[in-house]
């Protein structure tokens, strides 16, 4: 299925495993440029640019968006998948 996403940029949080990693992989397969946040590097980093950000920190969202914009110059889609609670 062509979702006409080629060339657009997505920021996906929580890409180290599970749903976040799967979403990032699907978006990349659709031709999107994908930046993904996680505290640890995802197991496959070839199609998703890893942004080492701990989304439990108050300024994490701002830093993740800034890093995505620095890398790609735009941001079209945000998938907020982080579920960790602050400790």
Protein backbone atom coordinates (compact mmCIF):
# COMPACT_ATOMS: atom_id res chain seq x y z
CA UNK A 1 0.00 0.00 0.00
CA UNK A 2 1.36 3.44 -0.93
CA UNK A 3 0.42 5.95 1.75
CA UNK A 4 2.21 8.75 -0.17
CA UNK A 5 4.59 9.35 2.74
CA UNK A 6 7.84 9.21 0.75
CA UNK A 7 10.11 12.11 1.58
CA UNK A 8 8.23 13.14 4.69
CA UNK A 9 9.84 13.04 8.13
CA UNK A 10 8.56 11.21 11.21
CA UNK A 11 9.68 11.38 14.82
CA UNK A 12 8.79 8.23 16.74
CA UNK A 13 9.40 7.99 20.48
CA UNK A 14 10.20 4.71 22.22
CA UNK A 15 11.80 2.87 19.30
CA UNK A 16 14.02 0.47 21.26
CA UNK A 17 11.49 -2.36 20.98
CA UNK A 18 7.86 -3.34 20.51
CA UNK A 19 5.28 -1.02 18.98
CA UNK A 20 7.64 1.94 18.59
CA UNK A 21 10.20 -0.10 16.69
CA UNK A 22 7.49 -1.66 14.50
CA UNK A 23 5.95 1.73 13.68
CA UNK A 24 9.36 3.19 12.83
CA UNK A 25 10.12 0.23 10.54
CA UNK A 26 6.77 0.55 8.70
CA UNK A 27 7.16 4.29 8.21
CA UNK A 28 10.70 3.82 6.89
CA UNK A 29 9.45 1.10 4.53
CA UNK A 30 6.88 3.62 3.24
CA UNK A 31 9.77 5.91 2.28
CA UNK A 32 9.72 8.27 5.23
CA UNK A 33 12.87 9.56 6.86
CA UNK A 34 12.49 8.46 10.47
CA UNK A 35 14.14 9.69 13.66
CA UNK A 36 13.47 7.60 16.74
CA UNK A 37 14.06 8.27 20.41
CA UNK A 38 15.00 5.77 23.07
CA UNK A 39 17.31 5.53 26.03
CA UNK A 40 19.19 2.69 24.34
CA UNK A 41 19.91 2.15 20.66
CA UNK A 42 17.34 0.07 18.80
CA UNK A 43 18.47 -3.38 17.66
CA UNK A 44 18.31 -2.31 14.01
CA UNK A 45 19.58 1.16 13.26
CA UNK A 46 19.97 1.09 9.50
CA UNK A 47 16.75 2.87 8.49
CA UNK A 48 15.93 4.82 11.64
CA UNK A 49 18.16 7.64 12.90
CA UNK A 50 18.55 7.05 16.62
CA UNK A 51 18.18 10.03 18.95
CA UNK A 52 19.40 9.04 22.43
CA UNK A 53 16.74 10.84 24.48
CA UNK A 54 15.15 9.80 27.76
CA UNK A 55 11.55 10.94 27.34
CA UNK A 56 11.06 10.91 31.13
CA UNK A 57 13.06 14.17 31.32
CA UNK A 58 11.06 17.41 31.23
CA UNK A 59 12.98 18.90 28.30
CA UNK A 60 13.15 15.67 26.30
CA UNK A 61 10.35 16.54 23.88
CA UNK A 62 11.92 19.86 22.96
CA UNK A 63 15.33 18.23 22.49
CA UNK A 64 13.92 15.42 20.35
CA UNK A 65 12.07 17.81 18.04
CA UNK A 66 15.15 20.07 17.78
CA UNK A 67 17.39 17.09 16.94
CA UNK A 68 14.95 15.92 14.27
CA UNK A 69 14.76 19.40 12.74
CA UNK A 70 18.55 19.72 12.84
CA UNK A 71 18.94 16.41 11.02
CA UNK A 72 16.14 16.64 8.45
CA UNK A 73 15.02 20.29 8.40
CA UNK A 74 11.36 19.39 8.79
CA UNK A 75 8.96 17.33 10.86
CA UNK A 76 5.70 16.05 9.38
CA UNK A 77 4.54 13.24 11.69
CA UNK A 78 4.93 12.65 15.44
CA UNK A 79 4.23 9.23 16.93
CA UNK A 80 4.29 9.61 20.70
CA UNK A 81 4.86 6.05 21.88
CA UNK A 82 6.83 6.57 25.10
CA UNK A 83 5.08 5.12 28.09
CA UNK A 84 7.66 5.20 30.86
CA UNK A 85 6.64 7.07 33.97
CA UNK A 86 9.04 9.33 35.81
CA UNK A 87 10.55 7.66 38.82
